[in-house]
Amino acid sequence: MPKIQDIVADEQAKQKLWDLCQSFVKDQKVSCSECVWQSDRVIENAYELIDKMCKLVGFFKDPDDEEEEE
């Protein structure tokens, strides 16, 4: 059974991710899917969003790279 601290931390992380995404949508004025595909501004600013998301949820850890480090 998970500890209450882990549940709270997980919910806080989810909220931070949600807030980050909502902020991006608002700041970039993404009103529909076409905005993503047809607006260079949105996709250019998505790079920073992706970096921030990865910092929140964690970066991919390649199991092959971990074997080489040992």
PDB file of N, CA and C in Angstrom:
ATOM      1  N   MET A   1       0.846  -1.179   0.000  1.00  0.00           N
ATOM      2  CA  MET A   1       0.000   0.000   0.000  1.00  0.00           C
ATOM      3  C   MET A   1       0.896   1.249   0.000  1.00  0.00           C
ATOM      4  N   PRO A   2       0.582   2.215  -0.889  1.00  0.00           N
ATOM      5  CA  PRO A   2       1.405   3.425  -0.947  1.00  0.00           C
ATOM      6  C   PRO A   2       1.261   4.280   0.310  1.00  0.00           C
ATOM      7  N   LYS A   3       2.335   4.971   0.620  1.00  0.00           N
ATOM      8  CA  LYS A   3       2.322   5.881   1.762  1.00  0.00           C
ATOM      9  C   LYS A   3       1.595   7.162   1.372  1.00  0.00           C
ATOM     10  N   ILE A   4       1.007   7.805   2.361  1.00  0.00           N
ATOM     11  CA  ILE A   4       0.260   9.039   2.114  1.00  0.00           C
ATOM     12  C   ILE A   4       1.160  10.118   1.511  1.00  0.00           C
ATOM     13  N   GLN A   5       2.433  10.153   1.929  1.00  0.00           N
ATOM     14  CA  GLN A   5       3.357  11.157   1.395  1.00  0.00           C
ATOM     15  C   GLN A   5       3.556  10.943  -0.107  1.00  0.00           C
ATOM     16  N   ASP A   6       3.625   9.668  -0.516  1.00  0.00           N
ATOM     17  CA  ASP A   6       3.814   9.372  -1.937  1.00  0.00           C
ATOM     18  C   ASP A   6       2.581   9.754  -2.750  1.00  0.00           C
ATOM     19  N   ILE A   7       1.410   9.506  -2.182  1.00  0.00           N
ATOM     20  CA  ILE A   7       0.160   9.860  -2.863  1.00  0.00           C
ATOM     21  C   ILE A   7       0.060  11.373  -3.015  1.00  0.00           C
ATOM     22  N   VAL A   8       0.372  12.108  -1.957  1.00  0.00           N
ATOM     23  CA  VAL A   8       0.319  13.573  -1.997  1.00  0.00           C
ATOM     24  C   VAL A   8       1.337  14.108  -2.994  1.00  0.00           C
ATOM     25  N   ALA A   9       2.557  13.570  -2.971  1.00  0.00           N
ATOM     26  CA  ALA A   9       3.598  14.020  -3.901  1.00  0.00           C
ATOM     27  C   ALA A   9       3.183  13.747  -5.347  1.00  0.00           C
ATOM     28  N   ASP A  10       2.554  12.595  -5.583  1.00  0.00           N
ATOM     29  CA  ASP A  10       2.103  12.244  -6.926  1.00  0.00           C
ATOM     30  C   ASP A  10       1.010  13.208  -7.387  1.00  0.00           C
ATOM     31  N   GLU A  11       0.084  13.521  -6.515  1.00  0.00           N
ATOM     32  CA  GLU A  11      -0.984  14.457  -6.863  1.00  0.00           C
ATOM     33  C   GLU A  11      -0.433  15.853  -7.116  1.00  0.00           C
ATOM     34  N   GLN A  12       0.566  16.258  -6.348  1.00  0.00           N
ATOM     35  CA  GLN A  12       1.188  17.568  -6.558  1.00  0.00           C
ATOM     36  C   GLN A  12       1.904  17.602  -7.906  1.00  0.00           C
ATOM     37  N   ALA A  13       2.574  16.518  -8.254  1.00  0.00           N
ATOM     38  CA  ALA A  13       3.256  16.440  -9.550  1.00  0.00           C
ATOM     39  C   ALA A  13       2.244  16.507 -10.689  1.00  0.00           C
ATOM     40  N   LYS A  14       1.131  15.804 -10.550  1.00  0.00           N
ATOM     41  CA  LYS A  14       0.079  15.848 -11.573  1.00  0.00           C
ATOM     42  C   LYS A  14      -0.460  17.264 -11.720  1.00  0.00           C
ATOM     43  N   GLN A  15      -0.649  17.937 -10.604  1.00  0.00           N
ATOM     44  CA  GLN A  15      -1.172  19.302 -10.645  1.00  0.00           C
ATOM     45  C   GLN A  15      -0.176  20.241 -11.323  1.00  0.00           C
ATOM     46  N   LYS A  16       1.111  20.089 -11.029  1.00  0.00           N
ATOM     47  CA  LYS A  16       2.134  20.926 -11.663  1.00  0.00           C
ATOM     48  C   LYS A  16       2.150  20.704 -13.172  1.00  0.00           C
ATOM     49  N   LEU A  17       2.030  19.443 -13.599  1.00  0.00           N
ATOM     50  CA  LEU A  17       2.011  19.136 -15.024  1.00  0.00           C
ATOM     51  C   LEU A  17       0.769  19.729 -15.679  1.00  0.00           C
ATOM     52  N   TRP A  18      -0.367  19.574 -15.028  1.00  0.00           N
ATOM     53  CA  TRP A  18      -1.618  20.148 -15.541  1.00  0.00           C
ATOM     54  C   TRP A  18      -1.495  21.665 -15.666  1.00  0.00           C
ATOM     55  N   ASP A  19      -0.981  22.323 -14.626  1.00  0.00           N
ATOM     56  CA  ASP A  19      -0.829  23.782 -14.641  1.00  0.00           C
ATOM     57  C   ASP A  19       0.111  24.227 -15.760  1.00  0.00           C
ATOM     58  N   LEU A  20       1.199  23.491 -15.960  1.00  0.00           N
ATOM     59  CA  LEU A  20       2.158  23.810 -17.011  1.00  0.00           C
ATOM     60  C   LEU A  20       1.485  23.735 -18.383  1.00  0.00           C
ATOM     61  N   CYS A  21       0.735  22.677 -18.615  1.00  0.00           N
ATOM     62  CA  CYS A  21       0.061  22.504 -19.904  1.00  0.00           C
ATOM     63  C   CYS A  21      -1.018  23.561 -20.109  1.00  0.00           C
ATOM     64  N   GLN A  22      -1.799  23.829 -19.088  1.00  0.00           N
ATOM     65  CA  GLN A  22      -2.838  24.854 -19.190  1.00  0.00           C
ATOM     66  C   GLN A  22      -2.227  26.229 -19.469  1.00  0.00           C
ATOM     67  N   SER A  23      -1.121  26.524 -18.817  1.00  0.00           N
ATOM     68  CA  SER A  23      -0.441  27.793 -19.033  1.00  0.00           C
ATOM     69  C   SER A  23       0.042  27.917 -20.481  1.00  0.00           C
ATOM     70  N   PHE A  24       0.599  26.834 -21.014  1.00  0.00           N
ATOM     71  CA  PHE A  24       1.069  26.846 -22.400  1.00  0.00           C
ATOM     72  C   PHE A  24      -0.092  27.100 -23.358  1.00  0.00           C
ATOM     73  N   VAL A  25      -1.192  26.385 -23.167  1.00  0.00           N
ATOM     74  CA  VAL A  25      -2.360  26.544 -24.039  1.00  0.00           C
ATOM     75  C   VAL A  25      -2.852  27.990 -23.997  1.00  0.00           C
ATOM     76  N   LYS A  26      -2.915  28.547 -22.818  1.00  0.00           N
ATOM     77  CA  LYS A  26      -3.389  29.929 -22.670  1.00  0.00           C
ATOM     78  C   LYS A  26      -2.398  30.922 -23.289  1.00  0.00           C
ATOM     79  N   ASP A  27      -1.110  30.772 -22.937  1.00  0.00           N
ATOM     80  CA  ASP A  27      -0.096  31.714 -23.426  1.00  0.00           C
ATOM     81  C   ASP A  27       0.039  31.686 -24.945  1.00  0.00           C
ATOM     82  N   GLN A  28      -0.091  30.495 -25.526  1.00  0.00           N
ATOM     83  CA  GLN A  28       0.064  30.355 -26.977  1.00  0.00           C
ATOM     84  C   GLN A  28      -1.259  30.512 -27.730  1.00  0.00           C
ATOM     85  N   LYS A  29      -2.337  30.687 -26.949  1.00  0.00           N
ATOM     86  CA  LYS A  29      -3.677  30.865 -27.534  1.00  0.00           C
ATOM     87  C   LYS A  29      -4.035  29.692 -28.457  1.00  0.00           C
ATOM     88  N   VAL A  30      -3.791  28.474 -27.971  1.00  0.00           N
ATOM     89  CA  VAL A  30      -4.107  27.272 -28.739  1.00  0.00           C
ATOM     90  C   VAL A  30      -5.605  27.008 -28.578  1.00  0.00           C
ATOM     91  N   SER A  31      -6.361  27.342 -29.607  1.00  0.00           N
ATOM     92  CA  SER A  31      -7.812  27.223 -29.536  1.00  0.00           C
ATOM     93  C   SER A  31      -8.349  25.996 -30.267  1.00  0.00           C
ATOM     94  N   CYS A  32      -7.485  25.317 -31.036  1.00  0.00           N
ATOM     95  CA  CYS A  32      -7.898  24.118 -31.756  1.00  0.00           C
ATOM     96  C   CYS A  32      -6.641  23.395 -32.254  1.00  0.00           C
ATOM     97  N   SER A  33      -6.815  22.193 -32.756  1.00  0.00           N
ATOM     98  CA  SER A  33      -5.672  21.409 -33.242  1.00  0.00           C
ATOM     99  C   SER A  33      -4.931  22.108 -34.374  1.00  0.00           C
ATOM    100  N   GLU A  34      -5.664  22.811 -35.210  1.00  0.00           N
ATOM    101  CA  GLU A  34      -5.035  23.491 -36.339  1.00  0.00           C
ATOM    102  C   GLU A  34      -4.012  24.532 -35.877  1.00  0.00           C
ATOM    103  N   CYS A  35      -4.232  25.109 -34.707  1.00  0.00           N
ATOM    104  CA  CYS A  35      -3.267  26.080 -34.168  1.00  0.00           C
ATOM    105  C   CYS A  35      -1.896  25.439 -33.977  1.00  0.00           C
ATOM    106  N   VAL A  36      -1.899  24.199 -33.575  1.00  0.00           N
ATOM    107  CA  VAL A  36      -0.637  23.492 -33.359  1.00  0.00           C
ATOM    108  C   VAL A  36       0.067  23.263 -34.687  1.00  0.00           C
ATOM    109  N   TRP A  37      -0.687  22.832 -35.671  1.00  0.00           N
ATOM    110  CA  TRP A  37      -0.102  22.452 -36.961  1.00  0.00           C
ATOM    111  C   TRP A  37       0.196  23.647 -37.845  1.00  0.00           C
ATOM    112  N   GLN A  38      -0.531  24.744 -37.696  1.00  0.00           N
ATOM    113  CA  GLN A  38      -0.400  25.860 -38.631  1.00  0.00           C
ATOM    114  C   GLN A  38       0.299  27.085 -38.042  1.00  0.00           C
ATOM    115  N   SER A  39       0.662  27.025 -36.781  1.00  0.00           N
ATOM    116  CA  SER A  39       1.284  28.189 -36.151  1.00  0.00           C
ATOM    117  C   SER A  39       2.719  27.872 -35.749  1.00  0.00           C
ATOM    118  N   ASP A  40       3.653  28.470 -36.445  1.00  0.00           N
ATOM    119  CA  ASP A  40       5.066  28.268 -36.119  1.00  0.00           C
ATOM    120  C   ASP A  40       5.362  28.682 -34.684  1.00  0.00           C
ATOM    121  N   ARG A  41       4.698  29.715 -34.219  1.00  0.00           N
ATOM    122  CA  ARG A  41       4.898  30.220 -32.859  1.00  0.00           C
ATOM    123  C   ARG A  41       4.637  29.125 -31.831  1.00  0.00           C
ATOM    124  N   VAL A  42       3.568  28.367 -32.015  1.00  0.00           N
ATOM    125  CA  VAL A  42       3.218  27.323 -31.060  1.00  0.00           C
ATOM    126  C   VAL A  42       4.285  26.237 -31.039  1.00  0.00           C
ATOM    127  N   ILE A  43       4.656  25.744 -32.190  1.00  0.00           N
ATOM    128  CA  ILE A  43       5.624  24.644 -32.238  1.00  0.00           C
ATOM    129  C   ILE A  43       7.007  25.098 -31.774  1.00  0.00           C
ATOM    130  N   GLU A  44       7.371  26.336 -32.074  1.00  0.00           N
ATOM    131  CA  GLU A  44       8.665  26.849 -31.612  1.00  0.00           C
ATOM    132  C   GLU A  44       8.709  26.923 -30.087  1.00  0.00           C
ATOM    133  N   ASN A  45       7.602  27.298 -29.481  1.00  0.00           N
ATOM    134  CA  ASN A  45       7.548  27.385 -28.029  1.00  0.00           C
ATOM    135  C   ASN A  45       7.323  26.037 -27.369  1.00  0.00           C
ATOM    136  N   ALA A  46       6.965  25.035 -28.146  1.00  0.00           N
ATOM    137  CA  ALA A  46       6.747  23.693 -27.588  1.00  0.00           C
ATOM    138  C   ALA A  46       8.055  23.063 -27.118  1.00  0.00           C
ATOM    139  N   TYR A  47       9.169  23.459 -27.672  1.00  0.00           N
ATOM    140  CA  TYR A  47      10.453  22.889 -27.238  1.00  0.00           C
ATOM    141  C   TYR A  47      10.675  23.139 -25.745  1.00  0.00           C
ATOM    142  N   GLU A  48      10.420  24.357 -25.314  1.00  0.00           N
ATOM    143  CA  GLU A  48      10.580  24.696 -23.898  1.00  0.00           C
ATOM    144  C   GLU A  48       9.559  23.933 -23.048  1.00  0.00           C
ATOM    145  N   LEU A  49       8.337  23.820 -23.564  1.00  0.00           N
ATOM    146  CA  LEU A  49       7.303  23.067 -22.856  1.00  0.00           C
ATOM    147  C   LEU A  49       7.735  21.614 -22.659  1.00  0.00           C
ATOM    148  N   ILE A  50       8.246  21.003 -23.696  1.00  0.00           N
ATOM    149  CA  ILE A  50       8.674  19.604 -23.611  1.00  0.00           C
ATOM    150  C   ILE A  50       9.791  19.445 -22.588  1.00  0.00           C
ATOM    151  N   ASP A  51      10.734  20.360 -22.583  1.00  0.00           N
ATOM    152  CA  ASP A  51      11.822  20.308 -21.609  1.00  0.00           C
ATOM    153  C   ASP A  51      11.281  20.411 -20.183  1.00  0.00           C
ATOM    154  N   LYS A  52      10.367  21.347 -19.960  1.00  0.00           N
ATOM    155  CA  LYS A  52       9.780  21.508 -18.626  1.00  0.00           C
ATOM    156  C   LYS A  52       8.983  20.269 -18.217  1.00  0.00           C
ATOM    157  N   MET A  53       8.256  19.686 -19.175  1.00  0.00           N
ATOM    158  CA  MET A  53       7.494  18.470 -18.879  1.00  0.00           C
ATOM    159  C   MET A  53       8.423  17.335 -18.468  1.00  0.00           C
ATOM    160  N   CYS A  54       9.505  17.165 -19.197  1.00  0.00           N
ATOM    161  CA  CYS A  54      10.456  16.098 -18.877  1.00  0.00           C
ATOM    162  C   CYS A  54      11.108  16.319 -17.519  1.00  0.00           C
ATOM    163  N   LYS A  55      11.341  17.562 -17.172  1.00  0.00           N
ATOM    164  CA  LYS A  55      11.905  17.856 -15.851  1.00  0.00           C
ATOM    165  C   LYS A  55      10.919  17.500 -14.749  1.00  0.00           C
ATOM    166  N   LEU A  56       9.618  17.599 -15.039  1.00  0.00           N
ATOM    167  CA  LEU A  56       8.601  17.235 -14.055  1.00  0.00           C
ATOM    168  C   LEU A  56       8.412  15.722 -13.949  1.00  0.00           C
ATOM    169  N   VAL A  57       8.301  15.060 -15.085  1.00  0.00           N
ATOM    170  CA  VAL A  57       7.955  13.635 -15.074  1.00  0.00           C
ATOM    171  C   VAL A  57       9.165  12.721 -15.178  1.00  0.00           C
ATOM    172  N   GLY A  58      10.306  13.279 -15.557  1.00  0.00           N
ATOM    173  CA  GLY A  58      11.527  12.490 -15.682  1.00  0.00           C
ATOM    174  C   GLY A  58      11.868  12.223 -17.136  1.00  0.00           C
ATOM    175  N   PHE A  59      13.136  12.158 -17.389  1.00  0.00           N
ATOM    176  CA  PHE A  59      13.628  11.881 -18.732  1.00  0.00           C
ATOM    177  C   PHE A  59      13.715  10.375 -18.942  1.00  0.00           C
ATOM    178  N   PHE A  60      13.682   9.941 -20.184  1.00  0.00           N
ATOM    179  CA  PHE A  60      13.806   8.535 -20.540  1.00  0.00           C
ATOM    180  C   PHE A  60      15.177   8.022 -20.118  1.00  0.00           C
ATOM    181  N   LYS A  61      15.171   6.873 -19.478  1.00  0.00           N
ATOM    182  CA  LYS A  61      16.426   6.238 -19.088  1.00  0.00           C
ATOM    183  C   LYS A  61      16.581   4.987 -19.943  1.00  0.00           C
ATOM    184  N   ASP A  62      17.516   5.041 -20.850  1.00  0.00           N
ATOM    185  CA  ASP A  62      17.754   3.919 -21.757  1.00  0.00           C
ATOM    186  C   ASP A  62      18.442   2.797 -20.997  1.00  0.00           C
ATOM    187  N   PRO A  63      17.825   1.630 -20.912  1.00  0.00           N
ATOM    188  CA  PRO A  63      18.435   0.527 -20.164  1.00  0.00           C
ATOM    189  C   PRO A  63      19.783   0.111 -20.740  1.00  0.00           C
ATOM    190  N   ASP A  64      19.973   0.300 -22.043  1.00  0.00           N
ATOM    191  CA  ASP A  64      21.263  -0.038 -22.657  1.00  0.00           C
ATOM    192  C   ASP A  64      22.375   0.877 -22.162  1.00  0.00           C
ATOM    193  N   ASP A  65      22.046   2.160 -21.951  1.00  0.00           N
ATOM    194  CA  ASP A  65      23.037   3.108 -21.441  1.00  0.00           C
ATOM    195  C   ASP A  65      23.419   2.769 -19.990  1.00  0.00           C
ATOM    196  N   GLU A  66      22.456   2.315 -19.209  1.00  0.00           N
ATOM    197  CA  GLU A  66      22.727   1.979 -17.822  1.00  0.00           C
ATOM    198  C   GLU A  66      23.682   0.792 -17.712  1.00  0.00           C
ATOM    199  N   GLU A  67      23.564  -0.155 -18.630  1.00  0.00           N
ATOM    200  CA  GLU A  67      24.459  -1.305 -18.621  1.00  0.00           C
ATOM    201  C   GLU A  67      25.894  -0.888 -18.890  1.00  0.00           C
ATOM    202  N   GLU A  68      26.083   0.106 -19.778  1.00  0.00           N
ATOM    203  CA  GLU A  68      27.421   0.562 -20.126  1.00  0.00           C
ATOM    204  C   GLU A  68      28.086   1.292 -18.971  1.00  0.00           C
ATOM    205  N   GLU A  69      27.304   1.950 -18.107  1.00  0.00           N
ATOM    206  CA  GLU A  69      27.845   2.705 -16.987  1.00  0.00           C
ATOM    207  C   GLU A  69      28.388   1.807 -15.891  1.00  0.00           C
ATOM    208  N   GLU A  70      27.913   0.580 -15.817  1.00  0.00           N
ATOM    209  CA  GLU A  70      28.339  -0.318 -14.739  1.00  0.00           C
ATOM    210  C   GLU A  70      29.725  -0.834 -14.923  1.00  0.00           C
TER     211      GLU A  70
END
